């Protein structure tokens, strides 16, 4: 995972006022788009799906694999698409750092 993407995702998890700035950026489509671009550049596939009024699911898949649940590296469900992307990307980071 790209060090800058990892740093932004980790920093957003902190409970400080400064981290709130990064969190707000990641919770918008601009920040989410950059996270998706960074991970797809590294070979991950991604889907972001809206489920009517229930929320959004973002799923990152292993490189070169079909977009099926068994090939998912990380997935997250949230009220907004950008939050789902942020949480799923953090799941990718946790998986890679094990």
N, C-alpha and C. Protein backbone atom coordinates (compact mmCIF):
# COMPACT_ATOMS: atom_id res chain seq x y z
N UNK A 1 0.85 -1.17 0.00
CA UNK A 1 0.00 0.00 0.00
C UNK A 1 0.90 1.23 0.00
N UNK A 2 0.52 2.22 -0.77
CA UNK A 2 1.23 3.48 -0.87
C UNK A 2 1.34 4.13 0.51
N UNK A 3 2.52 4.60 0.87
CA UNK A 3 2.76 5.16 2.21
C UNK A 3 1.89 6.38 2.49
N UNK A 4 1.64 7.21 1.49
CA UNK A 4 0.82 8.41 1.70
C UNK A 4 -0.63 8.04 1.99
N UNK A 5 -1.16 7.06 1.25
CA UNK A 5 -2.53 6.60 1.50
C UNK A 5 -2.63 6.00 2.90
N UNK A 6 -1.67 5.17 3.26
CA UNK A 6 -1.65 4.56 4.59
C UNK A 6 -1.58 5.62 5.69
N UNK A 7 -0.73 6.62 5.50
CA UNK A 7 -0.59 7.68 6.51
C UNK A 7 -1.90 8.45 6.68
N UNK A 8 -2.56 8.79 5.58
CA UNK A 8 -3.83 9.52 5.66
C UNK A 8 -4.89 8.69 6.36
N UNK A 9 -4.98 7.40 6.01
CA UNK A 9 -5.99 6.53 6.64
C UNK A 9 -5.72 6.37 8.14
N UNK A 10 -4.46 6.19 8.51
CA UNK A 10 -4.12 6.02 9.92
C UNK A 10 -4.34 7.31 10.71
N UNK A 11 -3.94 8.43 10.13
CA UNK A 11 -4.09 9.72 10.81
C UNK A 11 -5.56 10.04 11.04
N UNK A 12 -6.42 9.69 10.09
CA UNK A 12 -7.86 9.97 10.21
C UNK A 12 -8.49 9.21 11.36
N UNK A 13 -7.86 8.15 11.81
CA UNK A 13 -8.41 7.34 12.91
C UNK A 13 -8.10 7.93 14.29
N UNK A 14 -7.22 8.91 14.35
CA UNK A 14 -6.87 9.53 15.62
C UNK A 14 -8.02 10.42 16.11
N UNK A 15 -8.10 10.60 17.42
CA UNK A 15 -9.17 11.41 18.02
C UNK A 15 -8.65 12.80 18.36
N UNK A 16 -8.06 13.49 17.40
CA UNK A 16 -7.56 14.84 17.64
C UNK A 16 -8.23 15.80 16.67
N UNK A 17 -8.26 17.09 17.01
CA UNK A 17 -8.86 18.07 16.10
C UNK A 17 -8.19 18.10 14.73
N UNK A 18 -6.87 17.93 14.72
CA UNK A 18 -6.14 17.94 13.45
C UNK A 18 -6.55 16.75 12.58
N UNK A 19 -6.78 15.62 13.19
CA UNK A 19 -7.21 14.44 12.44
C UNK A 19 -8.59 14.65 11.84
N UNK A 20 -9.39 15.49 12.47
CA UNK A 20 -10.71 15.80 11.95
C UNK A 20 -10.65 16.41 10.56
N UNK A 21 -9.61 17.20 10.29
CA UNK A 21 -9.45 17.78 8.95
C UNK A 21 -9.25 16.69 7.90
N UNK A 22 -8.40 15.72 8.21
CA UNK A 22 -8.15 14.62 7.28
C UNK A 22 -9.40 13.75 7.15
N UNK A 23 -10.08 13.52 8.26
CA UNK A 23 -11.29 12.71 8.25
C UNK A 23 -12.36 13.36 7.36
N UNK A 24 -12.54 14.68 7.48
CA UNK A 24 -13.52 15.37 6.64
C UNK A 24 -13.14 15.28 5.17
N UNK A 25 -11.84 15.37 4.86
CA UNK A 25 -11.39 15.25 3.48
C UNK A 25 -11.67 13.84 2.96
N UNK A 26 -11.36 12.82 3.77
CA UNK A 26 -11.61 11.44 3.34
C UNK A 26 -13.10 11.11 3.27
N UNK A 27 -13.93 11.84 4.01
CA UNK A 27 -15.37 11.59 4.01
C UNK A 27 -16.09 12.31 2.88
N UNK A 28 -15.34 12.89 1.95
CA UNK A 28 -15.92 13.50 0.75
C UNK A 28 -15.50 12.68 -0.46
N UNK A 29 -16.20 12.87 -1.57
CA UNK A 29 -15.88 12.09 -2.77
C UNK A 29 -14.50 12.40 -3.33
N UNK A 30 -14.00 13.63 -3.12
CA UNK A 30 -12.65 13.96 -3.60
C UNK A 30 -11.59 13.11 -2.93
N UNK A 31 -11.65 13.03 -1.60
CA UNK A 31 -10.68 12.21 -0.86
C UNK A 31 -10.86 10.73 -1.15
N UNK A 32 -12.12 10.28 -1.20
CA UNK A 32 -12.39 8.86 -1.49
C UNK A 32 -11.87 8.50 -2.87
N UNK A 33 -12.04 9.40 -3.83
CA UNK A 33 -11.56 9.14 -5.20
C UNK A 33 -10.05 8.98 -5.25
N UNK A 34 -9.34 9.79 -4.46
CA UNK A 34 -7.88 9.67 -4.44
C UNK A 34 -7.44 8.36 -3.77
N UNK A 35 -8.15 7.94 -2.75
CA UNK A 35 -7.84 6.65 -2.10
C UNK A 35 -8.07 5.51 -3.10
N UNK A 36 -9.20 5.54 -3.81
CA UNK A 36 -9.49 4.51 -4.81
C UNK A 36 -8.42 4.53 -5.90
N UNK A 37 -8.05 5.71 -6.38
CA UNK A 37 -7.02 5.81 -7.42
C UNK A 37 -5.70 5.23 -6.94
N UNK A 38 -5.33 5.54 -5.69
CA UNK A 38 -4.08 5.01 -5.15
C UNK A 38 -4.07 3.51 -5.05
N UNK A 39 -5.18 2.92 -4.62
CA UNK A 39 -5.23 1.46 -4.48
C UNK A 39 -5.36 0.76 -5.82
N UNK A 40 -6.08 1.35 -6.77
CA UNK A 40 -6.16 0.71 -8.10
C UNK A 40 -4.82 0.78 -8.82
N UNK A 41 -4.05 1.86 -8.58
CA UNK A 41 -2.70 1.93 -9.15
C UNK A 41 -1.83 0.80 -8.63
N UNK A 42 -2.14 0.31 -7.45
CA UNK A 42 -1.37 -0.78 -6.86
C UNK A 42 -1.96 -2.14 -7.20
N UNK A 43 -2.97 -2.15 -8.08
CA UNK A 43 -3.49 -3.41 -8.59
C UNK A 43 -4.78 -3.91 -7.96
N UNK A 44 -5.33 -3.19 -6.99
CA UNK A 44 -6.58 -3.63 -6.38
C UNK A 44 -7.76 -3.27 -7.26
N UNK A 45 -8.75 -4.14 -7.29
CA UNK A 45 -10.03 -3.82 -7.92
C UNK A 45 -10.95 -3.27 -6.84
N UNK A 46 -11.96 -2.50 -7.25
CA UNK A 46 -12.86 -1.91 -6.27
C UNK A 46 -14.27 -1.80 -6.84
N UNK A 47 -15.24 -1.99 -5.97
CA UNK A 47 -16.63 -1.67 -6.30
C UNK A 47 -17.18 -0.81 -5.16
N UNK A 48 -18.00 0.15 -5.53
CA UNK A 48 -18.71 0.98 -4.56
C UNK A 48 -20.17 0.95 -4.98
N UNK A 49 -21.02 0.45 -4.09
CA UNK A 49 -22.43 0.22 -4.43
C UNK A 49 -23.34 0.92 -3.43
N UNK A 50 -24.36 1.58 -3.96
CA UNK A 50 -25.37 2.21 -3.10
C UNK A 50 -26.57 1.28 -3.00
N UNK A 51 -27.04 1.05 -1.80
CA UNK A 51 -28.20 0.21 -1.55
C UNK A 51 -29.37 1.08 -1.10
N UNK A 52 -30.06 1.68 -2.07
CA UNK A 52 -31.21 2.56 -1.81
C UNK A 52 -30.92 3.48 -0.62
N UNK A 53 -31.79 3.45 0.36
CA UNK A 53 -31.62 4.31 1.53
C UNK A 53 -30.90 3.61 2.68
N UNK A 54 -30.37 2.41 2.44
CA UNK A 54 -29.72 1.65 3.50
C UNK A 54 -28.28 2.06 3.74
N UNK A 55 -27.59 2.48 2.70
CA UNK A 55 -26.19 2.86 2.83
C UNK A 55 -25.37 2.41 1.65
N UNK A 56 -24.08 2.39 1.83
CA UNK A 56 -23.12 2.09 0.77
C UNK A 56 -22.17 0.97 1.20
N UNK A 57 -21.72 0.18 0.24
CA UNK A 57 -20.70 -0.83 0.47
C UNK A 57 -19.54 -0.57 -0.49
N UNK A 58 -18.34 -0.56 0.06
CA UNK A 58 -17.12 -0.49 -0.74
C UNK A 58 -16.34 -1.77 -0.50
N UNK A 59 -15.88 -2.38 -1.59
CA UNK A 59 -15.13 -3.63 -1.49
C UNK A 59 -13.90 -3.54 -2.37
N UNK A 60 -12.74 -3.88 -1.80
CA UNK A 60 -11.49 -3.95 -2.56
C UNK A 60 -11.17 -5.42 -2.79
N UNK A 61 -10.74 -5.72 -4.01
CA UNK A 61 -10.47 -7.11 -4.41
C UNK A 61 -9.00 -7.30 -4.74
N UNK A 62 -8.56 -8.55 -4.64
CA UNK A 62 -7.19 -8.90 -4.99
C UNK A 62 -6.96 -8.63 -6.48
N UNK A 63 -5.75 -8.25 -6.81
CA UNK A 63 -5.40 -7.92 -8.19
C UNK A 63 -5.66 -9.09 -9.12
N UNK A 64 -6.28 -8.80 -10.24
CA UNK A 64 -6.49 -9.80 -11.28
C UNK A 64 -7.53 -10.85 -10.96
N UNK A 65 -8.29 -10.67 -9.92
CA UNK A 65 -9.31 -11.64 -9.52
C UNK A 65 -10.70 -11.12 -9.87
N UNK A 66 -11.64 -12.04 -10.11
CA UNK A 66 -13.03 -11.61 -10.35
C UNK A 66 -13.58 -10.90 -9.12
N UNK A 67 -14.52 -9.99 -9.35
CA UNK A 67 -15.12 -9.27 -8.23
C UNK A 67 -16.21 -10.12 -7.60
N UNK A 68 -15.76 -11.09 -6.83
CA UNK A 68 -16.63 -11.97 -6.07
C UNK A 68 -16.21 -11.93 -4.62
N UNK A 69 -17.17 -12.21 -3.75
CA UNK A 69 -16.93 -12.09 -2.30
C UNK A 69 -15.70 -12.88 -1.85
N UNK A 70 -15.47 -14.04 -2.42
CA UNK A 70 -14.34 -14.85 -1.94
C UNK A 70 -12.98 -14.24 -2.26
N UNK A 71 -12.93 -13.31 -3.21
CA UNK A 71 -11.66 -12.66 -3.55
C UNK A 71 -11.52 -11.28 -2.90
N UNK A 72 -12.49 -10.91 -2.08
CA UNK A 72 -12.43 -9.60 -1.43
C UNK A 72 -11.29 -9.56 -0.41
N UNK A 73 -10.53 -8.48 -0.46
CA UNK A 73 -9.47 -8.25 0.52
C UNK A 73 -10.07 -7.56 1.74
N UNK A 74 -10.97 -6.60 1.48
CA UNK A 74 -11.63 -5.87 2.56
C UNK A 74 -12.92 -5.27 2.03
N UNK A 75 -13.89 -5.15 2.93
CA UNK A 75 -15.18 -4.58 2.57
C UNK A 75 -15.73 -3.81 3.76
N UNK A 76 -16.50 -2.76 3.49
CA UNK A 76 -17.10 -1.98 4.57
C UNK A 76 -18.44 -1.45 4.12
N UNK A 77 -19.37 -1.34 5.07
CA UNK A 77 -20.69 -0.79 4.82
C UNK A 77 -20.84 0.45 5.69
N UNK A 78 -21.33 1.56 5.11
CA UNK A 78 -21.47 2.81 5.86
C UNK A 78 -22.62 3.63 5.30
N UNK A 79 -22.96 4.68 6.02
CA UNK A 79 -24.07 5.54 5.60
C UNK A 79 -23.74 6.31 4.32
N UNK A 80 -22.46 6.61 4.10
CA UNK A 80 -22.07 7.34 2.89
C UNK A 80 -21.01 6.55 2.12
N UNK A 81 -20.96 6.79 0.82
CA UNK A 81 -19.97 6.11 -0.01
C UNK A 81 -18.54 6.40 0.38
N UNK A 82 -18.18 7.67 0.57
CA UNK A 82 -16.80 7.96 0.96
C UNK A 82 -16.39 7.31 2.28
N UNK A 83 -17.30 7.24 3.24
CA UNK A 83 -16.96 6.59 4.52
C UNK A 83 -16.76 5.10 4.31
N UNK A 84 -17.57 4.48 3.47
CA UNK A 84 -17.39 3.06 3.16
C UNK A 84 -16.03 2.83 2.50
N UNK A 85 -15.65 3.72 1.57
CA UNK A 85 -14.34 3.60 0.91
C UNK A 85 -13.23 3.72 1.93
N UNK A 86 -13.32 4.73 2.80
CA UNK A 86 -12.27 4.94 3.82
C UNK A 86 -12.13 3.71 4.72
N UNK A 87 -13.26 3.19 5.19
CA UNK A 87 -13.21 2.05 6.11
C UNK A 87 -12.71 0.78 5.42
N UNK A 88 -13.12 0.56 4.17
CA UNK A 88 -12.65 -0.62 3.43
C UNK A 88 -11.16 -0.49 3.13
N UNK A 89 -10.71 0.71 2.79
CA UNK A 89 -9.28 0.92 2.52
C UNK A 89 -8.45 0.66 3.78
N UNK A 90 -8.98 1.06 4.93
CA UNK A 90 -8.29 0.76 6.19
C UNK A 90 -8.22 -0.75 6.39
N UNK A 91 -9.27 -1.46 6.00
CA UNK A 91 -9.26 -2.92 6.08
C UNK A 91 -8.18 -3.52 5.20
N UNK A 92 -7.96 -2.93 4.01
CA UNK A 92 -6.87 -3.38 3.14
C UNK A 92 -5.54 -3.17 3.85
N UNK A 93 -5.37 -2.00 4.44
CA UNK A 93 -4.11 -1.70 5.15
C UNK A 93 -3.86 -2.70 6.27
N UNK A 94 -4.89 -2.97 7.07
CA UNK A 94 -4.74 -3.93 8.17
C UNK A 94 -4.37 -5.32 7.65
N UNK A 95 -4.98 -5.72 6.53
CA UNK A 95 -4.68 -7.03 5.95
C UNK A 95 -3.23 -7.09 5.48
N UNK A 96 -2.76 -6.04 4.83
CA UNK A 96 -1.39 -6.02 4.31
C UNK A 96 -0.34 -5.91 5.40
N UNK A 97 -0.71 -5.31 6.54
CA UNK A 97 0.27 -5.10 7.62
C UNK A 97 0.36 -6.29 8.57
N UNK A 98 -0.43 -7.30 8.37
CA UNK A 98 -0.37 -8.49 9.25
C UNK A 98 0.90 -9.26 9.04
